Amino acid sequence: MTEQTEDTGPAALTVDELAARAGVTVRTIRFYSTRGLLPPPRIGPRRVGRYDHGHLARLALIEELQSQGMTLSAIERYLQRLPEEITAQDLAIHRALVASWMPDSADEVTREQLERRAGRPLADADIERLEAMNVLVRGQDPSVFEVDAGLLPLGVRLLELPISQEAVVRSRQLMLDHARQLAGELSKLFREEVWDPYRSQEPDEEEVERMKTLSAHMQPLVVQALLTAFQRSLREELRGTFPEERAPQLGPR
């Protein structure tokens, strides 16, 4: 992939800023670049490399794959199978699929560390909005926060949008309510159509473990199906709501 010579605009990051946002070192970024895990930066004024949200999303995906136990060689093969034109949004979906079978985790960070990861100063109102979105939780020490590292990039980007906190909270509640309902219906379907008939055959211990493994493997498949269906449904809704020339873009058509 050849380097480009135009700046990427307000979203452009220097390598130091990218490292701070991703929570890695500059040395790590350069190492990933030499391995081909990261595409080259765009070259801006004074020959300074500029990185964008796509690089940040790719770093988050690499971190998630490493947490899953994949080696760098395996991660390299995984990334090579992705299309060259993949967007930051699509990379975030891949990360969500990987994270869907990982245990929930939170990082404990100070206000200074939180702002470094966010890539910007955070006012008290910003902290309150991130807390309302369940991106972070205040600890007993008001200067320390438990942060969901997977949600932080999304939360920071929402801070930059002209949308009220009330709208964000209502949107989150809508998604949670429908997700719980759908999860319950899918679990019922799996139990009635797969588990109950299987159990009625008096399976031995090995077969029970095999069924549990099947259930665990189904989770990322269901998540992928839900993400794909939701993305397509939302795109169709937006097309029906907005004139074609003004419809918000949600990745490639």
Protein backbone atom coordinates (compact mmCIF):
# COMPACT_ATOMS: atom_id res chain seq x y z
CA MET A 1 0.00 0.00 0.00
CA THR A 2 1.47 3.35 -1.03
CA GLU A 3 1.65 6.38 1.20
CA GLN A 4 -0.65 9.28 0.45
CA THR A 5 0.42 12.88 0.61
CA GLU A 6 -2.69 14.71 1.76
CA ASP A 7 -3.72 15.44 5.34
CA THR A 8 -6.78 13.72 6.75
CA GLY A 9 -8.32 16.83 8.32
CA PRO A 10 -9.42 17.37 11.92
CA ALA A 11 -9.38 13.62 12.71
CA ALA A 12 -5.65 13.31 11.85
CA LEU A 13 -3.40 12.09 14.66
CA THR A 14 0.36 12.13 15.06
CA VAL A 15 1.99 8.86 16.04
CA ASP A 16 2.28 10.10 19.64
CA GLU A 17 -1.41 11.01 19.73
CA LEU A 18 -2.38 7.67 18.21
CA ALA A 19 -0.31 5.83 20.82
CA ALA A 20 -1.96 7.79 23.65
CA ARG A 21 -5.45 7.16 22.28
CA ALA A 22 -4.81 3.45 21.79
CA GLY A 23 -3.00 2.96 25.10
CA VAL A 24 0.13 1.55 23.48
CA THR A 25 3.66 2.81 22.93
CA VAL A 26 4.98 4.51 19.80
CA ARG A 27 7.45 1.65 19.52
CA THR A 28 4.54 -0.81 19.38
CA ILE A 29 2.89 1.16 16.57
CA ARG A 30 6.10 1.22 14.55
CA PHE A 31 6.57 -2.52 15.14
CA TYR A 32 3.01 -3.26 13.97
CA SER A 33 3.64 -1.11 10.91
CA THR A 34 6.78 -3.06 9.98
CA ARG A 35 4.79 -6.31 10.33
CA GLY A 36 2.09 -4.96 8.02
CA LEU A 37 -0.55 -4.99 10.76
CA LEU A 38 -1.13 -1.25 10.30
CA PRO A 39 -1.39 0.58 6.97
CA PRO A 40 1.07 3.44 6.46
CA PRO A 41 0.03 6.92 7.61
CA ARG A 42 -0.92 9.71 5.29
CA ILE A 43 1.89 12.20 4.91
CA GLY A 44 0.87 15.72 5.92
CA PRO A 45 2.68 19.05 6.00
CA ARG A 46 6.40 18.90 6.79
CA ARG A 47 6.35 15.17 6.00
CA VAL A 48 4.65 14.34 9.30
CA GLY A 49 2.74 11.06 9.30
CA ARG A 50 -0.96 11.41 10.12
CA TYR A 51 -3.18 8.61 11.40
CA ASP A 52 -6.98 8.44 11.51
CA HIS A 53 -9.88 6.58 13.12
CA GLY A 54 -9.18 3.59 10.92
CA HIS A 55 -5.74 3.13 12.48
CA LEU A 56 -7.23 3.53 15.94
CA ALA A 57 -9.94 0.95 15.22
CA ARG A 58 -7.35 -1.47 13.82
CA LEU A 59 -5.20 -1.14 16.94
CA ALA A 60 -8.26 -1.88 19.10
CA LEU A 61 -8.97 -4.99 17.01
CA ILE A 62 -5.34 -6.16 17.33
CA GLU A 63 -5.54 -5.73 21.10
CA GLU A 64 -8.76 -7.76 21.24
CA LEU A 65 -7.29 -10.53 19.11
CA GLN A 66 -4.24 -10.67 21.38
CA SER A 67 -6.53 -10.91 24.41
CA GLN A 68 -8.12 -13.92 22.73
CA GLY A 69 -4.67 -15.54 22.69
CA MET A 70 -3.83 -15.17 19.01
CA THR A 71 -0.18 -14.88 18.01
CA LEU A 72 1.05 -11.99 15.85
CA SER A 73 1.35 -14.36 12.89
CA ALA A 74 -2.27 -15.43 13.33
CA ILE A 75 -3.37 -11.81 13.71
CA GLU A 76 -1.48 -10.96 10.53
CA ARG A 77 -3.34 -13.68 8.64
CA TYR A 78 -6.65 -12.47 10.11
CA LEU A 79 -6.04 -8.88 9.02
CA GLN A 80 -4.86 -9.91 5.56
CA ARG A 81 -8.29 -11.43 4.91
CA LEU A 82 -10.01 -8.09 5.54
CA PRO A 83 -10.82 -5.97 2.46
CA GLU A 84 -8.43 -3.07 1.81
CA GLU A 85 -11.28 -0.55 1.79
CA ILE A 86 -12.64 -1.64 5.19
CA THR A 87 -13.92 1.29 7.26
CA ALA A 88 -13.35 2.14 10.91
CA GLN A 89 -16.99 1.20 11.56
CA ASP A 90 -16.50 -2.25 10.03
CA LEU A 91 -13.32 -2.76 12.04
CA ALA A 92 -15.31 -1.91 15.17
CA ILE A 93 -17.82 -4.61 14.20
CA HIS A 94 -15.00 -7.16 13.86
CA ARG A 95 -13.76 -6.13 17.29
CA ALA A 96 -17.25 -6.54 18.74
CA LEU A 97 -17.42 -10.05 17.31
CA VAL A 98 -14.10 -10.98 18.89
CA ALA A 99 -15.07 -9.37 22.21
CA SER A 100 -18.45 -11.14 22.24
CA TRP A 101 -16.91 -14.30 23.70
CA MET A 102 -14.40 -12.56 25.94
CA PRO A 103 -15.16 -11.93 29.64
CA ASP A 104 -16.20 -8.41 30.59
CA SER A 105 -13.29 -6.34 31.86
CA ALA A 106 -12.63 -2.81 33.02
CA ASP A 107 -9.42 -0.84 33.36
CA GLU A 108 -8.75 1.33 36.39
CA VAL A 109 -7.31 4.66 35.26
CA THR A 110 -6.67 8.12 36.62
CA ARG A 111 -8.22 11.25 35.13
CA GLU A 112 -4.93 11.99 33.37
CA GLN A 113 -4.72 8.48 31.89
CA LEU A 114 -8.37 8.69 30.85
CA GLU A 115 -7.76 11.94 28.97
CA ARG A 116 -4.68 10.48 27.26
CA ARG A 117 -6.75 7.54 26.03
CA ALA A 118 -9.57 9.85 24.97
CA GLY A 119 -7.09 12.04 23.11
CA ARG A 120 -8.62 15.22 24.47
CA PRO A 121 -9.28 17.09 27.74
CA LEU A 122 -12.48 15.97 29.44
CA ALA A 123 -14.65 18.49 31.25
CA ASP A 124 -16.78 17.42 34.21
CA ALA A 125 -19.80 17.44 31.87
CA ASP A 126 -17.96 15.02 29.54
CA ILE A 127 -17.26 12.68 32.46
CA GLU A 128 -20.94 12.78 33.42
CA ARG A 129 -21.97 11.90 29.87
CA LEU A 130 -19.51 9.01 29.69
CA GLU A 131 -20.80 7.78 33.04
CA ALA A 132 -24.40 8.01 31.79
CA MET A 133 -23.39 5.88 28.79
CA ASN A 134 -21.83 3.28 31.15
CA VAL A 135 -18.44 3.88 29.57
CA LEU A 136 -16.95 4.51 32.99
CA VAL A 137 -17.77 4.25 36.68
CA ARG A 138 -16.39 6.53 39.37
CA GLY A 139 -14.41 4.83 42.10
CA GLN A 140 -14.30 5.72 45.75
CA ASP A 141 -11.41 7.99 44.85
CA PRO A 142 -13.01 10.69 42.63
CA SER A 143 -9.82 10.91 40.55
CA VAL A 144 -9.90 7.20 39.61
CA PHE A 145 -12.33 5.58 37.17
CA GLU A 146 -13.15 2.07 36.04
CA VAL A 147 -13.30 2.32 32.25
CA ASP A 148 -14.72 -0.09 29.69
CA ALA A 149 -11.85 0.03 27.19
CA GLY A 150 -14.05 -1.31 24.42
CA LEU A 151 -16.70 1.39 24.83
CA LEU A 152 -14.36 4.33 25.41
CA PRO A 153 -13.62 5.13 21.72
CA LEU A 154 -17.35 5.01 20.94
CA GLY A 155 -18.16 7.19 23.95
CA VAL A 156 -15.57 9.80 23.00
CA ARG A 157 -16.89 9.98 19.44
CA LEU A 158 -20.43 10.45 20.79
CA LEU A 159 -19.15 13.39 22.84
CA GLU A 160 -18.18 15.07 19.59
CA LEU A 161 -21.65 14.72 18.03
CA PRO A 162 -24.41 17.33 18.38
CA ILE A 163 -26.69 14.98 20.30
CA SER A 164 -28.04 15.50 23.79
CA GLN A 165 -27.19 13.28 26.72
CA GLU A 166 -30.89 12.48 27.08
CA ALA A 167 -31.02 11.19 23.50
CA VAL A 168 -27.93 9.03 24.04
CA VAL A 169 -29.34 7.55 27.26
CA ARG A 170 -32.72 6.88 25.65
CA SER A 171 -31.03 5.24 22.65
CA ARG A 172 -28.98 3.02 24.93
CA GLN A 173 -32.07 2.01 26.91
CA LEU A 174 -33.96 1.17 23.71
CA MET A 175 -31.14 -1.07 22.53
CA LEU A 176 -30.85 -2.76 25.92
CA ASP A 177 -34.59 -3.40 26.16
CA HIS A 178 -34.82 -4.91 22.68
CA ALA A 179 -31.55 -6.83 23.13
CA ARG A 180 -32.82 -8.45 26.34
CA GLN A 181 -36.11 -9.38 24.69
CA LEU A 182 -34.36 -10.85 21.65
CA ALA A 183 -31.82 -12.70 23.79
CA GLY A 184 -34.67 -14.22 25.80
CA GLU A 185 -36.55 -15.32 22.68
CA LEU A 186 -33.42 -16.79 21.09
CA SER A 187 -32.54 -18.63 24.30
CA LYS A 188 -36.07 -20.04 24.46
CA LEU A 189 -35.86 -21.16 20.84
CA PHE A 190 -32.50 -22.85 21.42
CA ARG A 191 -33.78 -24.58 24.54
CA GLU A 192 -36.99 -25.85 22.93
CA GLU A 193 -35.57 -26.83 19.54
CA VAL A 194 -32.07 -28.03 20.46
CA TRP A 195 -31.41 -28.54 24.15
CA ASP A 196 -34.68 -30.15 25.36
CA PRO A 197 -34.85 -32.77 22.56
CA TYR A 198 -31.17 -33.54 23.08
CA ARG A 199 -31.59 -33.89 26.85
CA SER A 200 -34.60 -36.19 26.41
CA GLN A 201 -32.25 -38.75 24.85
CA GLU A 202 -30.40 -39.10 28.18
CA PRO A 203 -27.01 -38.02 26.83
CA ASP A 204 -23.85 -39.05 28.62
CA GLU A 205 -21.38 -36.58 30.15
CA GLU A 206 -19.30 -36.28 26.98
CA GLU A 207 -22.37 -35.40 24.90
CA VAL A 208 -23.46 -32.81 27.46
CA GLU A 209 -20.06 -31.13 27.22
CA ARG A 210 -20.33 -31.21 23.43
CA MET A 211 -23.68 -29.44 23.63
CA LYS A 212 -22.25 -26.79 25.97
CA THR A 213 -19.42 -26.22 23.51
CA LEU A 214 -21.95 -25.81 20.71
CA SER A 215 -23.82 -23.23 22.77
CA ALA A 216 -20.62 -21.26 23.39
CA HIS A 217 -19.66 -21.32 19.71
CA MET A 218 -23.09 -20.07 18.72
CA GLN A 219 -22.62 -16.81 20.61
CA PRO A 220 -20.27 -15.05 18.16
CA LEU A 221 -22.35 -16.33 15.24
CA VAL A 222 -25.51 -14.83 16.74
CA VAL A 223 -23.69 -11.56 17.44
CA GLN A 224 -22.48 -11.39 13.84
CA ALA A 225 -25.99 -12.04 12.54
CA LEU A 226 -27.46 -9.38 14.82
CA LEU A 227 -24.87 -6.78 13.87
CA THR A 228 -25.33 -7.42 10.16
CA ALA A 229 -29.12 -7.39 10.37
CA PHE A 230 -29.17 -4.24 12.48
CA GLN A 231 -26.73 -2.39 10.23
CA ARG A 232 -28.78 -3.20 7.13
CA SER A 233 -32.08 -2.38 8.84
CA LEU A 234 -30.79 0.95 10.13
CA ARG A 235 -29.47 1.88 6.69
CA GLU A 236 -32.89 1.13 5.18
CA GLU A 237 -34.62 3.20 7.86
CA LEU A 238 -32.30 6.14 7.21
CA ARG A 239 -32.92 5.92 3.48
CA GLY A 240 -36.63 6.13 4.15
CA THR A 241 -36.29 9.03 6.57
CA PHE A 242 -33.79 11.27 4.79
CA PRO A 243 -33.50 12.39 1.16
CA GLU A 244 -30.96 10.21 -0.65
CA GLU A 245 -28.43 13.03 -0.98
CA ARG A 246 -28.57 13.81 2.74
CA ALA A 247 -28.81 10.35 4.24
CA PRO A 248 -26.10 9.67 6.86
CA GLN A 249 -23.55 7.14 5.70
CA LEU A 250 -23.00 3.98 7.76
CA GLY A 251 -20.10 2.43 5.91
CA PRO A 252 -19.97 1.12 2.35
CA ARG A 253 -23.16 0.27 0.52
